Amino acid sequence: MLTFRTSATAALLALTLFAVYSAGEREPQNLVEPLATIPEDIDGWKTIASSRLDAETENVLSASDYLYRTYEKDGQQADFFVAYYAMQRAGEAMHSPRNCLPGGGWEIWKYDTIGIPVEGREVQINRYWIQKGQSRLLVLYWYQNPDRIIANEYSAKAFLVWDAVRTGNTSGAIVRVSVPDFPEAEKAGRELAAEMIPLVDKVLPRN
């Protein structure tokens, strides 16, 4: 008898395949502006490094555009990463950190969701505590498109199917903020996440 987790995984795969294959004849939704136009200086946060992924990782990521920066404010550093997909289909869909992090050697030892205040409302995002050797990080991440912010990956895939049927738009972004695992850094990371959500929203295409 299938366990609930196995059944949920099978359902998630079915939903994803339905959406990505049904997008085959649709046009990609290009960004209003490249992700690199997201400001390097944001309310005291200043970019101290910009990075590119290696060719192999870029190939696996298969994103239409991505941005990877390190910001600093008041002595606190935070890595910011966003990958955008103009049209999700077979081989070009978002990779869940729940799978990618362990694949990169990181152990996920605790996780939950938290509320982030954004422009007078609260949105739910994921909060993951991870460890590799002596390195411990806190990762905040979420799925984002012009219509919604989503933490739960199953909900994200369900909405992907809904959007594919309703509007034909299967575009979207996965956004991540990573900080060292201690309270002051988490506070800074949550602040940066709240700043980034509306900035990412500004470059996303509208239906």
N, C-alpha and C. Protein backbone atom coordinates (compact mmCIF):
# COMPACT_ATOMS: atom_id res chain seq x y z
N MET A 1 0.85 -1.20 0.00
CA MET A 1 0.00 0.00 0.00
C MET A 1 0.88 1.25 0.00
N LEU A 2 0.56 2.20 -0.88
CA LEU A 2 1.36 3.40 -0.96
C LEU A 2 1.21 4.25 0.29
N THR A 3 2.29 4.80 0.75
CA THR A 3 2.23 5.73 1.87
C THR A 3 1.71 7.07 1.37
N PHE A 4 1.34 7.94 2.32
CA PHE A 4 0.85 9.26 1.94
C PHE A 4 1.93 10.03 1.20
N ARG A 5 3.18 9.94 1.68
CA ARG A 5 4.27 10.68 1.02
C ARG A 5 4.46 10.21 -0.40
N THR A 6 4.42 8.90 -0.62
CA THR A 6 4.58 8.37 -1.97
C THR A 6 3.45 8.81 -2.87
N SER A 7 2.23 8.78 -2.33
CA SER A 7 1.08 9.20 -3.11
C SER A 7 1.15 10.68 -3.45
N ALA A 8 1.58 11.49 -2.48
CA ALA A 8 1.69 12.93 -2.72
C ALA A 8 2.75 13.22 -3.76
N THR A 9 3.87 12.48 -3.70
CA THR A 9 4.93 12.68 -4.68
C THR A 9 4.45 12.30 -6.08
N ALA A 10 3.71 11.20 -6.17
CA ALA A 10 3.17 10.78 -7.46
C ALA A 10 2.19 11.80 -8.01
N ALA A 11 1.36 12.34 -7.13
CA ALA A 11 0.40 13.36 -7.56
C ALA A 11 1.12 14.61 -8.02
N LEU A 12 2.16 15.00 -7.29
CA LEU A 12 2.94 16.18 -7.67
C LEU A 12 3.58 15.97 -9.04
N LEU A 13 4.14 14.81 -9.28
CA LEU A 13 4.75 14.52 -10.57
C LEU A 13 3.72 14.57 -11.68
N ALA A 14 2.54 14.02 -11.43
CA ALA A 14 1.49 14.02 -12.44
C ALA A 14 1.06 15.44 -12.78
N LEU A 15 0.90 16.27 -11.75
CA LEU A 15 0.51 17.66 -11.98
C LEU A 15 1.57 18.41 -12.77
N THR A 16 2.83 18.19 -12.41
CA THR A 16 3.92 18.88 -13.10
C THR A 16 3.98 18.46 -14.56
N LEU A 17 3.90 17.17 -14.82
CA LEU A 17 3.96 16.68 -16.19
C LEU A 17 2.81 17.22 -17.02
N PHE A 18 1.62 17.28 -16.41
CA PHE A 18 0.46 17.82 -17.12
C PHE A 18 0.72 19.26 -17.53
N ALA A 19 1.23 20.05 -16.60
CA ALA A 19 1.45 21.47 -16.87
C ALA A 19 2.55 21.68 -17.90
N VAL A 20 3.68 20.99 -17.73
CA VAL A 20 4.81 21.25 -18.60
C VAL A 20 4.55 20.77 -20.02
N TYR A 21 3.82 19.67 -20.19
CA TYR A 21 3.54 19.20 -21.54
C TYR A 21 2.42 19.99 -22.19
N SER A 22 1.47 20.46 -21.40
CA SER A 22 0.40 21.27 -21.96
C SER A 22 0.90 22.64 -22.38
N ALA A 23 2.08 23.03 -21.92
CA ALA A 23 2.66 24.32 -22.28
C ALA A 23 3.41 24.27 -23.61
N GLY A 24 3.43 23.11 -24.24
CA GLY A 24 4.26 22.92 -25.42
C GLY A 24 4.00 23.89 -26.55
N GLU A 25 2.74 24.29 -26.78
CA GLU A 25 2.40 25.16 -27.89
C GLU A 25 2.26 26.61 -27.47
N ARG A 26 2.58 26.94 -26.25
CA ARG A 26 2.39 28.30 -25.75
C ARG A 26 3.68 29.09 -25.86
N GLU A 27 3.52 30.42 -25.82
CA GLU A 27 4.66 31.30 -25.93
C GLU A 27 5.27 31.56 -24.55
N PRO A 28 6.60 31.66 -24.48
CA PRO A 28 7.24 32.01 -23.20
C PRO A 28 6.88 33.43 -22.79
N GLN A 29 6.82 33.66 -21.49
CA GLN A 29 6.52 34.98 -20.94
C GLN A 29 7.84 35.63 -20.52
N ASN A 30 8.31 36.56 -21.31
CA ASN A 30 9.60 37.18 -21.03
C ASN A 30 9.48 38.21 -19.91
N LEU A 31 10.56 38.38 -19.17
CA LEU A 31 10.59 39.36 -18.10
C LEU A 31 10.40 40.77 -18.65
N VAL A 32 9.81 41.63 -17.85
CA VAL A 32 9.69 43.04 -18.21
C VAL A 32 11.08 43.66 -18.31
N GLU A 33 11.95 43.33 -17.37
CA GLU A 33 13.35 43.75 -17.36
C GLU A 33 14.18 42.56 -16.89
N PRO A 34 15.45 42.48 -17.29
CA PRO A 34 16.31 41.39 -16.80
C PRO A 34 16.42 41.42 -15.28
N LEU A 35 16.66 40.28 -14.68
CA LEU A 35 16.81 40.21 -13.22
C LEU A 35 17.97 41.08 -12.74
N ALA A 36 18.95 41.28 -13.59
CA ALA A 36 20.11 42.10 -13.20
C ALA A 36 19.74 43.55 -12.94
N THR A 37 18.54 43.97 -13.35
CA THR A 37 18.11 45.35 -13.09
C THR A 37 17.59 45.53 -11.67
N ILE A 38 17.41 44.45 -10.93
CA ILE A 38 17.08 44.58 -9.51
C ILE A 38 18.20 45.38 -8.85
N PRO A 39 17.87 46.41 -8.09
CA PRO A 39 18.90 47.32 -7.57
C PRO A 39 20.00 46.62 -6.78
N GLU A 40 21.20 47.15 -6.93
CA GLU A 40 22.33 46.64 -6.16
C GLU A 40 22.37 47.23 -4.76
N ASP A 41 21.75 48.38 -4.58
CA ASP A 41 21.63 49.03 -3.27
C ASP A 41 20.16 49.14 -2.91
N ILE A 42 19.78 48.57 -1.75
CA ILE A 42 18.38 48.50 -1.37
C ILE A 42 18.24 48.84 0.11
N ASP A 43 17.78 50.04 0.41
CA ASP A 43 17.50 50.43 1.78
C ASP A 43 18.63 50.05 2.74
N GLY A 44 19.84 50.42 2.38
CA GLY A 44 21.00 50.13 3.23
C GLY A 44 21.72 48.84 2.89
N TRP A 45 21.05 47.94 2.17
CA TRP A 45 21.71 46.73 1.69
C TRP A 45 22.53 47.07 0.45
N LYS A 46 23.80 46.69 0.45
CA LYS A 46 24.68 46.98 -0.67
C LYS A 46 25.27 45.68 -1.21
N THR A 47 25.30 45.58 -2.53
CA THR A 47 25.90 44.41 -3.16
C THR A 47 27.41 44.43 -2.97
N ILE A 48 27.94 43.32 -2.45
CA ILE A 48 29.39 43.22 -2.29
C ILE A 48 29.99 42.15 -3.22
N ALA A 49 29.12 41.36 -3.86
CA ALA A 49 29.61 40.36 -4.81
C ALA A 49 28.47 39.92 -5.71
N SER A 50 28.79 39.67 -6.97
CA SER A 50 27.86 39.08 -7.93
C SER A 50 28.53 37.84 -8.52
N SER A 51 27.79 36.77 -8.62
CA SER A 51 28.40 35.50 -9.04
C SER A 51 27.63 34.88 -10.20
N ARG A 52 28.33 34.05 -10.95
CA ARG A 52 27.71 33.21 -11.96
C ARG A 52 27.94 31.76 -11.58
N LEU A 53 26.98 30.92 -11.88
CA LEU A 53 27.10 29.49 -11.60
C LEU A 53 28.02 28.85 -12.64
N ASP A 54 28.58 27.71 -12.31
CA ASP A 54 29.39 27.01 -13.30
C ASP A 54 28.49 26.45 -14.40
N ALA A 55 29.08 26.12 -15.52
CA ALA A 55 28.33 25.72 -16.71
C ALA A 55 27.45 24.49 -16.45
N GLU A 56 27.97 23.54 -15.69
CA GLU A 56 27.19 22.33 -15.41
C GLU A 56 25.95 22.65 -14.59
N THR A 57 26.11 23.51 -13.57
CA THR A 57 24.97 23.88 -12.73
C THR A 57 23.96 24.69 -13.52
N GLU A 58 24.45 25.61 -14.37
CA GLU A 58 23.54 26.38 -15.22
C GLU A 58 22.73 25.46 -16.11
N ASN A 59 23.37 24.44 -16.64
CA ASN A 59 22.68 23.51 -17.52
C ASN A 59 21.59 22.75 -16.78
N VAL A 60 21.87 22.33 -15.56
CA VAL A 60 20.87 21.63 -14.75
C VAL A 60 19.74 22.58 -14.36
N LEU A 61 20.10 23.81 -14.02
CA LEU A 61 19.10 24.80 -13.61
C LEU A 61 18.13 25.11 -14.75
N SER A 62 18.65 25.26 -15.96
CA SER A 62 17.84 25.50 -17.16
C SER A 62 16.89 26.69 -17.01
N ALA A 63 17.33 27.72 -16.31
CA ALA A 63 16.49 28.89 -16.11
C ALA A 63 16.60 29.84 -17.31
N SER A 64 15.53 30.61 -17.53
CA SER A 64 15.56 31.63 -18.58
C SER A 64 16.47 32.78 -18.18
N ASP A 65 16.53 33.07 -16.90
CA ASP A 65 17.39 34.12 -16.37
C ASP A 65 17.59 33.83 -14.89
N TYR A 66 18.72 34.23 -14.35
CA TYR A 66 18.93 34.09 -12.91
C TYR A 66 19.85 35.18 -12.41
N LEU A 67 19.83 35.37 -11.10
CA LEU A 67 20.66 36.39 -10.47
C LEU A 67 21.17 35.84 -9.15
N TYR A 68 22.46 36.03 -8.89
CA TYR A 68 23.07 35.53 -7.66
C TYR A 68 23.99 36.61 -7.11
N ARG A 69 23.60 37.21 -5.99
CA ARG A 69 24.36 38.28 -5.38
C ARG A 69 24.53 38.05 -3.88
N THR A 70 25.54 38.71 -3.33
CA THR A 70 25.70 38.79 -1.89
C THR A 70 25.52 40.26 -1.47
N TYR A 71 24.61 40.47 -0.54
CA TYR A 71 24.35 41.81 -0.02
C TYR A 71 24.89 41.93 1.41
N GLU A 72 25.15 43.16 1.83
CA GLU A 72 25.61 43.40 3.20
C GLU A 72 24.95 44.66 3.75
N LYS A 73 24.59 44.59 5.03
CA LYS A 73 24.04 45.76 5.72
C LYS A 73 24.38 45.66 7.20
N ASP A 74 24.97 46.70 7.74
CA ASP A 74 25.31 46.75 9.17
C ASP A 74 26.09 45.52 9.63
N GLY A 75 27.01 45.05 8.78
CA GLY A 75 27.84 43.92 9.14
C GLY A 75 27.22 42.55 8.90
N GLN A 76 25.95 42.51 8.47
CA GLN A 76 25.28 41.25 8.18
C GLN A 76 25.29 40.99 6.68
N GLN A 77 25.66 39.77 6.30
CA GLN A 77 25.67 39.39 4.89
C GLN A 77 24.55 38.41 4.59
N ALA A 78 24.03 38.49 3.37
CA ALA A 78 22.97 37.58 2.93
C ALA A 78 23.15 37.29 1.45
N ASP A 79 23.09 36.03 1.08
CA ASP A 79 23.13 35.64 -0.32
C ASP A 79 21.71 35.67 -0.88
N PHE A 80 21.56 36.29 -2.04
CA PHE A 80 20.27 36.38 -2.71
C PHE A 80 20.36 35.67 -4.05
N PHE A 81 19.40 34.78 -4.32
CA PHE A 81 19.37 34.05 -5.57
C PHE A 81 17.94 33.99 -6.09
N VAL A 82 17.76 34.27 -7.38
CA VAL A 82 16.45 34.13 -8.00
C VAL A 82 16.65 33.52 -9.38
N ALA A 83 15.83 32.53 -9.71
CA ALA A 83 15.85 31.90 -11.03
C ALA A 83 14.46 32.05 -11.63
N TYR A 84 14.41 32.52 -12.87
CA TYR A 84 13.13 32.74 -13.54
C TYR A 84 12.99 31.79 -14.72
N TYR A 85 11.77 31.27 -14.89
CA TYR A 85 11.44 30.38 -15.99
C TYR A 85 10.33 31.01 -16.82
N ALA A 86 10.63 31.35 -18.07
CA ALA A 86 9.65 32.01 -18.93
C ALA A 86 8.52 31.08 -19.31
N MET A 87 8.80 29.79 -19.36
CA MET A 87 7.77 28.79 -19.65
C MET A 87 8.26 27.47 -19.10
N GLN A 88 7.55 26.92 -18.15
CA GLN A 88 7.95 25.65 -17.56
C GLN A 88 7.42 24.51 -18.40
N ARG A 89 8.35 23.64 -18.78
CA ARG A 89 8.00 22.45 -19.55
C ARG A 89 9.05 21.41 -19.25
N ALA A 90 8.94 20.25 -19.90
CA ALA A 90 9.85 19.15 -19.61
C ALA A 90 11.30 19.60 -19.73
N GLY A 91 12.08 19.43 -18.66
CA GLY A 91 13.48 19.80 -18.65
C GLY A 91 13.74 21.25 -18.32
N GLU A 92 12.68 22.06 -18.20
CA GLU A 92 12.83 23.48 -17.91
C GLU A 92 11.82 23.89 -16.85
N ALA A 93 11.89 23.31 -15.70
CA ALA A 93 10.99 23.61 -14.60
C ALA A 93 11.81 23.81 -13.34
N MET A 94 11.20 24.45 -12.36
CA MET A 94 11.91 24.77 -11.13
C MET A 94 12.33 23.51 -10.37
N HIS A 95 13.50 23.59 -9.74
CA HIS A 95 14.00 22.50 -8.93
C HIS A 95 13.79 22.86 -7.46
N SER A 96 13.10 22.01 -6.74
CA SER A 96 12.81 22.28 -5.34
C SER A 96 14.08 22.19 -4.51
N PRO A 97 14.33 23.18 -3.63
CA PRO A 97 15.47 23.08 -2.71
C PRO A 97 15.41 21.84 -1.82
N ARG A 98 14.23 21.30 -1.59
CA ARG A 98 14.12 20.08 -0.79
C ARG A 98 14.87 18.94 -1.44
N ASN A 99 15.02 19.00 -2.76
CA ASN A 99 15.78 17.98 -3.47
C ASN A 99 17.20 18.44 -3.78
N CYS A 100 17.34 19.72 -4.15
CA CYS A 100 18.65 20.23 -4.57
C CYS A 100 19.64 20.33 -3.41
N LEU A 101 19.16 20.75 -2.24
CA LEU A 101 20.08 20.92 -1.11
C LEU A 101 20.71 19.60 -0.68
N PRO A 102 19.93 18.53 -0.46
CA PRO A 102 20.57 17.25 -0.14
C PRO A 102 21.48 16.76 -1.26
N GLY A 103 21.08 17.05 -2.51
CA GLY A 103 21.93 16.65 -3.64
C GLY A 103 23.26 17.35 -3.64
N GLY A 104 23.32 18.54 -3.01
CA GLY A 104 24.57 19.28 -2.90
C GLY A 104 25.33 18.99 -1.63
N GLY A 105 24.88 17.98 -0.88
CA GLY A 105 25.58 17.59 0.34
C GLY A 105 25.08 18.26 1.61
N TRP A 106 24.01 19.06 1.52
CA TRP A 106 23.47 19.74 2.69
C TRP A 106 22.42 18.87 3.37
N GLU A 107 22.49 18.82 4.68
CA GLU A 107 21.47 18.11 5.47
C GLU A 107 20.42 19.12 5.93
N ILE A 108 19.17 18.83 5.63
CA ILE A 108 18.07 19.65 6.13
C ILE A 108 17.65 19.07 7.47
N TRP A 109 17.90 19.79 8.56
CA TRP A 109 17.62 19.20 9.86
C TRP A 109 16.39 19.81 10.54
N LYS A 110 15.86 20.87 9.95
CA LYS A 110 14.63 21.45 10.49
C LYS A 110 14.05 22.38 9.43
N TYR A 111 12.71 22.47 9.40
CA TYR A 111 12.10 23.42 8.46
C TYR A 111 10.69 23.76 8.91
N ASP A 112 10.25 24.95 8.51
CA ASP A 112 8.88 25.38 8.74
C ASP A 112 8.58 26.54 7.79
N THR A 113 7.47 27.22 8.00
CA THR A 113 7.14 28.41 7.22
C THR A 113 6.99 29.59 8.18
N ILE A 114 7.24 30.79 7.66
CA ILE A 114 7.11 32.00 8.46
C ILE A 114 6.40 33.06 7.65
N GLY A 115 5.80 34.03 8.34
CA GLY A 115 5.15 35.14 7.67
C GLY A 115 6.11 36.31 7.51
N ILE A 116 6.08 36.92 6.34
CA ILE A 116 6.92 38.08 6.04
C ILE A 116 5.99 39.25 5.68
N PRO A 117 6.12 40.40 6.35
CA PRO A 117 5.28 41.55 5.99
C PRO A 117 5.78 42.20 4.70
N VAL A 118 4.87 42.34 3.74
CA VAL A 118 5.22 42.93 2.45
C VAL A 118 4.12 43.89 2.02
N GLU A 119 4.42 45.17 2.03
CA GLU A 119 3.50 46.20 1.55
C GLU A 119 2.10 46.06 2.15
N GLY A 120 2.06 45.96 3.47
CA GLY A 120 0.79 45.95 4.17
C GLY A 120 0.09 44.60 4.23
N ARG A 121 0.72 43.55 3.76
CA ARG A 121 0.14 42.21 3.87
C ARG A 121 1.21 41.26 4.35
N GLU A 122 0.82 40.06 4.70
CA GLU A 122 1.77 39.06 5.15
C GLU A 122 1.74 37.89 4.19
N VAL A 123 2.93 37.46 3.76
CA VAL A 123 3.04 36.30 2.89
C VAL A 123 3.82 35.21 3.60
N GLN A 124 3.54 33.98 3.28
CA GLN A 124 4.21 32.84 3.88
C GLN A 124 5.35 32.37 2.98
N ILE A 125 6.53 32.17 3.60
CA ILE A 125 7.67 31.64 2.87
C ILE A 125 8.28 30.49 3.68
N ASN A 126 9.15 29.73 3.04
CA ASN A 126 9.81 28.60 3.70
C ASN A 126 11.03 29.06 4.48
N ARG A 127 11.27 28.35 5.59
CA ARG A 127 12.47 28.58 6.41
C ARG A 127 13.11 27.22 6.67
N TYR A 128 14.33 27.03 6.14
CA TYR A 128 15.04 25.76 6.25
C TYR A 128 16.36 25.96 6.98
N TRP A 129 16.63 25.11 7.94
CA TRP A 129 17.93 25.07 8.60
C TRP A 129 18.74 23.94 7.98
N ILE A 130 19.93 24.24 7.47
CA ILE A 130 20.72 23.22 6.77
C ILE A 130 22.15 23.22 7.31
N GLN A 131 22.82 22.09 7.10
CA GLN A 131 24.18 21.92 7.61
C GLN A 131 24.99 21.05 6.66
N LYS A 132 26.25 21.44 6.46
CA LYS A 132 27.22 20.63 5.72
C LYS A 132 28.53 20.72 6.47
N GLY A 133 28.94 19.64 7.10
CA GLY A 133 30.13 19.69 7.93
C GLY A 133 29.93 20.67 9.07
N GLN A 134 30.83 21.65 9.19
CA GLN A 134 30.72 22.66 10.24
C GLN A 134 29.94 23.90 9.79
N SER A 135 29.51 23.91 8.55
CA SER A 135 28.77 25.07 8.03
C SER A 135 27.28 24.91 8.28
N ARG A 136 26.68 25.93 8.87
CA ARG A 136 25.24 25.92 9.13
C ARG A 136 24.62 27.19 8.55
N LEU A 137 23.56 27.01 7.78
CA LEU A 137 22.89 28.13 7.14
C LEU A 137 21.40 28.08 7.40
N LEU A 138 20.79 29.24 7.29
CA LEU A 138 19.34 29.36 7.30
C LEU A 138 18.92 29.82 5.91
N VAL A 139 18.02 29.08 5.28
CA VAL A 139 17.58 29.38 3.93
C VAL A 139 16.11 29.76 3.94
N LEU A 140 15.81 30.93 3.40
CA LEU A 140 14.43 31.38 3.21
C LEU A 140 14.15 31.31 1.71
N TYR A 141 13.06 30.65 1.33
CA TYR A 141 12.76 30.60 -0.10
C TYR A 141 11.27 30.53 -0.35
N TRP A 142 10.90 30.90 -1.58
CA TRP A 142 9.49 30.90 -1.95
C TRP A 142 9.37 30.86 -3.48
N TYR A 143 8.17 30.53 -3.93
CA TYR A 143 7.84 30.55 -5.35
C TYR A 143 7.03 31.81 -5.63
N GLN A 144 7.32 32.48 -6.74
CA GLN A 144 6.69 33.77 -6.99
C GLN A 144 6.32 33.93 -8.46
N ASN A 145 5.08 34.40 -8.68
CA ASN A 145 4.67 34.87 -10.00
C ASN A 145 3.84 36.13 -9.79
N PRO A 146 3.36 36.79 -10.84
CA PRO A 146 2.65 38.05 -10.63
C PRO A 146 1.39 37.94 -9.79
N ASP A 147 0.83 36.75 -9.69
CA ASP A 147 -0.43 36.58 -8.99
C ASP A 147 -0.30 36.20 -7.52
N ARG A 148 0.85 35.61 -7.13
CA ARG A 148 0.90 35.04 -5.78
C ARG A 148 2.33 34.73 -5.35
N ILE A 149 2.48 34.64 -4.02
CA ILE A 149 3.69 34.12 -3.37
C ILE A 149 3.29 32.81 -2.73
N ILE A 150 4.05 31.74 -2.97
CA ILE A 150 3.70 30.42 -2.47
C ILE A 150 4.89 29.79 -1.77
N ALA A 151 4.65 29.20 -0.61
CA ALA A 151 5.70 28.46 0.09
C ALA A 151 5.65 26.98 -0.29
N ASN A 152 4.48 26.39 -0.22
CA ASN A 152 4.33 24.95 -0.40
C ASN A 152 4.52 24.54 -1.86
N GLU A 153 5.44 23.61 -2.10
CA GLU A 153 5.74 23.23 -3.48
C GLU A 153 4.59 22.48 -4.14
N TYR A 154 3.79 21.74 -3.35
CA TYR A 154 2.64 21.05 -3.92
C TYR A 154 1.60 22.06 -4.39
N SER A 155 1.39 23.11 -3.59
CA SER A 155 0.48 24.17 -3.99
C SER A 155 1.00 24.89 -5.23
N ALA A 156 2.32 25.10 -5.28
CA ALA A 156 2.93 25.77 -6.43
C ALA A 156 2.67 24.98 -7.71
N LYS A 157 2.79 23.66 -7.65
CA LYS A 157 2.55 22.84 -8.84
C LYS A 157 1.06 22.82 -9.19
N ALA A 158 0.20 22.80 -8.18
CA ALA A 158 -1.23 22.83 -8.45
C ALA A 158 -1.63 24.13 -9.14
N PHE A 159 -1.09 25.25 -8.66
CA PHE A 159 -1.37 26.53 -9.29
C PHE A 159 -0.77 26.60 -10.69
N LEU A 160 0.36 25.93 -10.90
CA LEU A 160 0.97 25.88 -12.22
C LEU A 160 0.00 25.25 -13.22
N VAL A 161 -0.63 24.16 -12.82
CA VAL A 161 -1.62 23.51 -13.68
C VAL A 161 -2.81 24.44 -13.92
N TRP A 162 -3.28 25.07 -12.84
CA TRP A 162 -4.42 25.98 -12.94
C TRP A 162 -4.11 27.13 -13.90
N ASP A 163 -2.93 27.72 -13.77
CA ASP A 163 -2.56 28.84 -14.64
C ASP A 163 -2.39 28.39 -16.09
N ALA A 164 -1.84 27.18 -16.28
CA ALA A 164 -1.66 26.67 -17.64
C ALA A 164 -3.00 26.52 -18.34
N VAL A 165 -4.00 26.04 -17.62
CA VAL A 165 -5.33 25.86 -18.19
C VAL A 165 -6.05 27.19 -18.35
N ARG A 166 -5.94 28.06 -17.34
CA ARG A 166 -6.71 29.30 -17.31
C ARG A 166 -6.14 30.37 -18.22
N THR A 167 -4.83 30.56 -18.22
CA THR A 167 -4.23 31.66 -18.97
C THR A 167 -3.17 31.20 -19.97
N GLY A 168 -2.71 29.96 -19.85
CA GLY A 168 -1.62 29.50 -20.70
C GLY A 168 -0.26 29.95 -20.23
N ASN A 169 -0.20 30.62 -19.10
CA ASN A 169 1.07 31.15 -18.58
C ASN A 169 1.64 30.18 -17.54
N THR A 170 2.80 29.61 -17.83
CA THR A 170 3.45 28.70 -16.88
C THR A 170 4.76 29.29 -16.36
N SER A 171 4.92 30.59 -16.49
CA SER A 171 6.15 31.24 -16.02
C SER A 171 6.15 31.38 -14.50
N GLY A 172 7.32 31.62 -13.96
CA GLY A 172 7.42 31.82 -12.52
C GLY A 172 8.87 31.86 -12.08
N ALA A 173 9.06 32.21 -10.82
CA ALA A 173 10.41 32.33 -10.27
C ALA A 173 10.49 31.61 -8.93
N ILE A 174 11.67 31.12 -8.63
CA ILE A 174 11.97 30.64 -7.29
C ILE A 174 13.02 31.58 -6.72
N VAL A 175 12.78 32.04 -5.49
CA VAL A 175 13.61 33.08 -4.89
C VAL A 175 14.14 32.57 -3.55
N ARG A 176 15.41 32.88 -3.27
CA ARG A 176 16.05 32.33 -2.07
C ARG A 176 16.96 33.37 -1.43
N VAL A 177 16.91 33.44 -0.10
CA VAL A 177 17.82 34.25 0.69
C VAL A 177 18.49 33.33 1.70
N SER A 178 19.82 33.33 1.74
CA SER A 178 20.57 32.45 2.64
C SER A 178 21.45 33.28 3.57
N VAL A 179 21.42 32.93 4.85
CA VAL A 179 22.20 33.65 5.85
C VAL A 179 22.82 32.65 6.82
N PRO A 180 23.84 33.05 7.58
CA PRO A 180 24.37 32.18 8.64
C PRO A 180 23.27 31.87 9.66
N ASP A 181 23.39 30.73 10.30
CA ASP A 181 22.36 30.27 11.23
C ASP A 181 22.58 30.83 12.63
N PHE A 182 22.20 32.10 12.81
CA PHE A 182 22.10 32.66 14.15
C PHE A 182 21.07 33.78 14.12
N PRO A 183 20.45 34.13 15.28
CA PRO A 183 19.27 35.01 15.30
C PRO A 183 19.44 36.35 14.59
N GLU A 184 20.56 37.04 14.80
CA GLU A 184 20.73 38.34 14.19
C GLU A 184 20.74 38.23 12.67
N ALA A 185 21.36 37.16 12.16
CA ALA A 185 21.41 36.96 10.71
C ALA A 185 20.02 36.65 10.18
N GLU A 186 19.23 35.87 10.92
CA GLU A 186 17.87 35.56 10.46
C GLU A 186 17.03 36.83 10.34
N LYS A 187 17.14 37.69 11.32
CA LYS A 187 16.40 38.95 11.27
C LYS A 187 16.77 39.74 10.03
N ALA A 188 18.06 39.79 9.71
CA ALA A 188 18.52 40.49 8.52
C ALA A 188 18.01 39.81 7.25
N GLY A 189 18.05 38.49 7.23
CA GLY A 189 17.58 37.75 6.07
C GLY A 189 16.10 37.96 5.81
N ARG A 190 15.31 37.99 6.87
CA ARG A 190 13.88 38.23 6.71
C ARG A 190 13.63 39.64 6.20
N GLU A 191 14.44 40.59 6.66
CA GLU A 191 14.30 41.97 6.18
C GLU A 191 14.61 42.05 4.69
N LEU A 192 15.69 41.39 4.26
CA LEU A 192 16.05 41.40 2.84
C LEU A 192 14.97 40.71 2.00
N ALA A 193 14.43 39.61 2.49
CA ALA A 193 13.37 38.91 1.77
C ALA A 193 12.17 39.83 1.55
N ALA A 194 11.79 40.58 2.59
CA ALA A 194 10.66 41.50 2.47
C ALA A 194 10.94 42.59 1.45
N GLU A 195 12.19 43.03 1.35
CA GLU A 195 12.55 44.04 0.36
C GLU A 195 12.52 43.47 -1.06
N MET A 196 12.93 42.22 -1.20
CA MET A 196 13.09 41.63 -2.52
C MET A 196 11.76 41.24 -3.18
N ILE A 197 10.78 40.85 -2.41
CA ILE A 197 9.52 40.37 -3.00
C ILE A 197 8.92 41.40 -3.95
N PRO A 198 8.72 42.66 -3.55
CA PRO A 198 8.16 43.62 -4.51
C PRO A 198 9.11 43.97 -5.66
N LEU A 199 10.43 43.88 -5.43
CA LEU A 199 11.38 44.17 -6.50
C LEU A 199 11.36 43.09 -7.57
N VAL A 200 11.25 41.83 -7.14
CA VAL A 200 11.10 40.73 -8.10
C VAL A 200 9.78 40.88 -8.85
N ASP A 201 8.73 41.25 -8.14
CA ASP A 201 7.42 41.39 -8.75
C ASP A 201 7.45 42.42 -9.87
N LYS A 202 8.23 43.47 -9.75
CA LYS A 202 8.26 44.54 -10.75
C LYS A 202 8.80 44.06 -12.10
N VAL A 203 9.66 43.06 -12.12
CA VAL A 203 10.24 42.61 -13.38
C VAL A 203 9.50 41.41 -13.98
N LEU A 204 8.53 40.85 -13.25
CA LEU A 204 7.79 39.71 -13.76
C LEU A 204 6.76 40.16 -14.79
N PRO A 205 6.53 39.34 -15.83
CA PRO A 205 5.55 39.72 -16.87
C PRO A 205 4.11 39.60 -16.35
N ARG A 206 3.25 40.42 -16.90
CA ARG A 206 1.82 40.37 -16.57
C ARG A 206 1.09 39.65 -17.71
N ASN A 207 0.00 38.97 -17.34
CA ASN A 207 -0.78 38.27 -18.37
C ASN A 207 -1.48 39.27 -19.30
